[in-house]
Amino acid sequence: MVSAYNRTNSSDLLNNSNFQFLAVWINIIYIALMVVAPMYSAIIFSVMTVWSFINDRKFLKAHHAFVPHWWWYFLLPVYIFKRQHNNNLGLLWFWLYWVSVLMAVFVMIFLDVKLP
């Protein structure tokens, strides 16, 4: 069922800051955490992603949009794809996610960051 919200011309309203943080900025922040605080980076990263994921799901539910199942959190690219595709938002943020992942990998290789 497509809600009236999804039929509006301003579909970018569903790409809120929590989702943008989850899709792109989280990978860049993870690299900074690996450099600054490698011992705690995994914990901080996990807390930030779970927080953004929960808030994004609440936001989608509040706007009566399609909300992918919670267990897609474990396969974040699939969550992003389903979220964008099923809400007719285009796949720009899905591709930006992959670009940020590649940037993170290249930065980790360049900085010779050791994973814990």
C-alpha atoms as a PDB file:
ATOM      1  CA  MET A   1       0.000   0.000   0.000  1.00  0.00           C
ATOM      2  CA  VAL A   2       1.397   3.392  -0.961  1.00  0.00           C
ATOM      3  CA  SER A   3       0.642   6.143   1.475  1.00  0.00           C
ATOM      4  CA  ALA A   4      -0.279   9.677   0.486  1.00  0.00           C
ATOM      5  CA  TYR A   5       3.076  10.799   1.849  1.00  0.00           C
ATOM      6  CA  ASN A   6       4.953   8.710  -0.717  1.00  0.00           C
ATOM      7  CA  ARG A   7       3.016  10.258  -3.588  1.00  0.00           C
ATOM      8  CA  THR A   8       4.241  13.765  -2.857  1.00  0.00           C
ATOM      9  CA  ASN A   9       6.788  15.408  -5.108  1.00  0.00           C
ATOM     10  CA  SER A  10       9.147  16.099  -2.214  1.00  0.00           C
ATOM     11  CA  SER A  11      10.237  12.526  -1.572  1.00  0.00           C
ATOM     12  CA  ASP A  12      13.545  13.764  -0.168  1.00  0.00           C
ATOM     13  CA  LEU A  13      11.714  14.589   3.054  1.00  0.00           C
ATOM     14  CA  LEU A  14      12.171  10.950   4.049  1.00  0.00           C
ATOM     15  CA  ASN A  15      15.966  11.237   3.808  1.00  0.00           C
ATOM     16  CA  ASN A  16      16.361  12.757   7.254  1.00  0.00           C
ATOM     17  CA  SER A  17      19.647  13.431   9.039  1.00  0.00           C
ATOM     18  CA  ASN A  18      19.545  10.132  10.960  1.00  0.00           C
ATOM     19  CA  PHE A  19      19.393   8.222   7.713  1.00  0.00           C
ATOM     20  CA  GLN A  20      22.119  10.311   6.073  1.00  0.00           C
ATOM     21  CA  PHE A  21      24.318   9.757   9.122  1.00  0.00           C
ATOM     22  CA  LEU A  22      23.646   6.017   8.988  1.00  0.00           C
ATOM     23  CA  ALA A  23      24.236   5.764   5.254  1.00  0.00           C
ATOM     24  CA  VAL A  24      27.343   7.884   4.741  1.00  0.00           C
ATOM     25  CA  TRP A  25      28.855   9.731   7.674  1.00  0.00           C
ATOM     26  CA  ILE A  26      29.129   6.735   9.979  1.00  0.00           C
ATOM     27  CA  ASN A  27      31.863   5.170   7.836  1.00  0.00           C
ATOM     28  CA  ILE A  28      33.924   8.337   7.817  1.00  0.00           C
ATOM     29  CA  ILE A  29      33.536   8.756  11.577  1.00  0.00           C
ATOM     30  CA  TYR A  30      34.627   5.151  12.087  1.00  0.00           C
ATOM     31  CA  ILE A  31      37.955   5.893  10.417  1.00  0.00           C
ATOM     32  CA  ALA A  32      38.492   8.881  12.692  1.00  0.00           C
ATOM     33  CA  LEU A  33      37.673   6.706  15.701  1.00  0.00           C
ATOM     34  CA  MET A  34      40.142   4.055  14.553  1.00  0.00           C
ATOM     35  CA  VAL A  35      42.892   6.676  14.459  1.00  0.00           C
ATOM     36  CA  VAL A  36      41.979   8.526  17.671  1.00  0.00           C
ATOM     37  CA  ALA A  37      40.654   5.765  19.939  1.00  0.00           C
ATOM     38  CA  PRO A  38      41.214   2.342  18.356  1.00  0.00           C
ATOM     39  CA  MET A  39      40.415   0.461  21.550  1.00  0.00           C
ATOM     40  CA  TYR A  40      36.904   1.922  21.879  1.00  0.00           C
ATOM     41  CA  SER A  41      36.102   2.509  18.226  1.00  0.00           C
ATOM     42  CA  ALA A  42      34.020  -0.653  17.753  1.00  0.00           C
ATOM     43  CA  ILE A  43      31.860   0.098  20.790  1.00  0.00           C
ATOM     44  CA  ILE A  44      31.313   3.736  19.860  1.00  0.00           C
ATOM     45  CA  PHE A  45      30.632   2.774  16.242  1.00  0.00           C
ATOM     46  CA  SER A  46      28.061   0.167  17.285  1.00  0.00           C
ATOM     47  CA  VAL A  47      26.233   2.550  19.615  1.00  0.00           C
ATOM     48  CA  MET A  48      26.088   5.277  16.957  1.00  0.00           C
ATOM     49  CA  THR A  49      24.784   2.944  14.232  1.00  0.00           C
ATOM     50  CA  VAL A  50      22.127   1.370  16.462  1.00  0.00           C
ATOM     51  CA  TRP A  51      20.997   4.818  17.635  1.00  0.00           C
ATOM     52  CA  SER A  52      20.735   6.112  14.052  1.00  0.00           C
ATOM     53  CA  PHE A  53      18.996   2.932  12.891  1.00  0.00           C
ATOM     54  CA  ILE A  54      16.358   3.093  15.633  1.00  0.00           C
ATOM     55  CA  ASN A  55      15.694   6.785  15.061  1.00  0.00           C
ATOM     56  CA  ASP A  56      15.423   6.281  11.309  1.00  0.00           C
ATOM     57  CA  ARG A  57      12.866   3.500  11.764  1.00  0.00           C
ATOM     58  CA  LYS A  58      10.835   5.690  14.157  1.00  0.00           C
ATOM     59  CA  PHE A  59      10.952   8.538  11.640  1.00  0.00           C
ATOM     60  CA  LEU A  60       9.706   6.323   8.803  1.00  0.00           C
ATOM     61  CA  LYS A  61       6.892   4.916  10.932  1.00  0.00           C
ATOM     62  CA  ALA A  62       5.842   8.413  11.973  1.00  0.00           C
ATOM     63  CA  HIS A  63       5.574   9.429   8.315  1.00  0.00           C
ATOM     64  CA  HIS A  64       3.677   6.255   7.318  1.00  0.00           C
ATOM     65  CA  ALA A  65       6.413   5.195   4.921  1.00  0.00           C
ATOM     66  CA  PHE A  66       7.710   1.718   4.175  1.00  0.00           C
ATOM     67  CA  VAL A  67       9.950   0.514   7.008  1.00  0.00           C
ATOM     68  CA  PRO A  68      12.211  -2.472   6.270  1.00  0.00           C
ATOM     69  CA  HIS A  69      12.286  -5.221   8.873  1.00  0.00           C
ATOM     70  CA  TRP A  70      14.599  -4.598  11.838  1.00  0.00           C
ATOM     71  CA  TRP A  71      16.853  -7.564  11.135  1.00  0.00           C
ATOM     72  CA  TRP A  72      18.093  -5.902   7.943  1.00  0.00           C
ATOM     73  CA  TYR A  73      20.253  -3.856  10.315  1.00  0.00           C
ATOM     74  CA  PHE A  74      22.727  -6.752  10.168  1.00  0.00           C
ATOM     75  CA  LEU A  75      22.975  -6.277   6.401  1.00  0.00           C
ATOM     76  CA  LEU A  76      22.963  -2.502   6.295  1.00  0.00           C
ATOM     77  CA  PRO A  77      23.326  -2.151   2.499  1.00  0.00           C
ATOM     78  CA  VAL A  78      20.163  -4.220   2.047  1.00  0.00           C
ATOM     79  CA  TYR A  79      18.331  -2.044   4.583  1.00  0.00           C
ATOM     80  CA  ILE A  80      19.371   1.104   2.722  1.00  0.00           C
ATOM     81  CA  PHE A  81      18.395  -0.393  -0.636  1.00  0.00           C
ATOM     82  CA  LYS A  82      14.983  -1.586   0.572  1.00  0.00           C
ATOM     83  CA  ARG A  83      14.309   1.704   2.353  1.00  0.00           C
ATOM     84  CA  GLN A  84      15.058   3.808  -0.693  1.00  0.00           C
ATOM     85  CA  HIS A  85      13.610   1.512  -3.355  1.00  0.00           C
ATOM     86  CA  ASN A  86      10.304   0.742  -1.619  1.00  0.00           C
ATOM     87  CA  ASN A  87       9.696   4.411  -0.763  1.00  0.00           C
ATOM     88  CA  ASN A  88      10.419   5.494  -4.353  1.00  0.00           C
ATOM     89  CA  LEU A  89      13.327   7.674  -3.248  1.00  0.00           C
ATOM     90  CA  GLY A  90      15.908   6.600  -5.811  1.00  0.00           C
ATOM     91  CA  LEU A  91      19.146   4.857  -5.033  1.00  0.00           C
ATOM     92  CA  LEU A  92      21.470   7.841  -4.587  1.00  0.00           C
ATOM     93  CA  TRP A  93      22.015   7.191  -0.880  1.00  0.00           C
ATOM     94  CA  PHE A  94      22.567   3.497  -1.534  1.00  0.00           C
ATOM     95  CA  TRP A  95      25.411   4.342  -3.918  1.00  0.00           C
ATOM     96  CA  LEU A  96      26.748   7.031  -1.587  1.00  0.00           C
ATOM     97  CA  TYR A  97      26.909   4.370   1.114  1.00  0.00           C
ATOM     98  CA  TRP A  98      29.148   2.223  -1.073  1.00  0.00           C
ATOM     99  CA  VAL A  99      31.340   5.195  -1.982  1.00  0.00           C
ATOM    100  CA  SER A 100      31.791   6.000   1.721  1.00  0.00           C
ATOM    101  CA  VAL A 101      32.680   2.360   2.438  1.00  0.00           C
ATOM    102  CA  LEU A 102      35.304   2.395  -0.317  1.00  0.00           C
ATOM    103  CA  MET A 103      36.661   5.714   0.949  1.00  0.00           C
ATOM    104  CA  ALA A 104      36.900   4.254   4.446  1.00  0.00           C
ATOM    105  CA  VAL A 105      38.778   1.197   3.181  1.00  0.00           C
ATOM    106  CA  PHE A 106      41.223   3.294   1.163  1.00  0.00           C
ATOM    107  CA  VAL A 107      41.840   5.653   4.084  1.00  0.00           C
ATOM    108  CA  MET A 108      42.442   2.695   6.399  1.00  0.00           C
ATOM    109  CA  ILE A 109      44.941   1.248   3.925  1.00  0.00           C
ATOM    110  CA  PHE A 110      46.623   4.616   3.399  1.00  0.00           C
ATOM    111  CA  LEU A 111      46.882   5.317   7.138  1.00  0.00           C
ATOM    112  CA  ASP A 112      47.826   1.688   7.834  1.00  0.00           C
ATOM    113  CA  VAL A 113      45.140   1.415  10.500  1.00  0.00           C
ATOM    114  CA  LYS A 114      45.126  -1.909  12.329  1.00  0.00           C
ATOM    115  CA  LEU A 115      41.730  -3.399  13.113  1.00  0.00           C
ATOM    116  CA  PRO A 116      41.304  -4.469  16.767  1.00  0.00           C
END
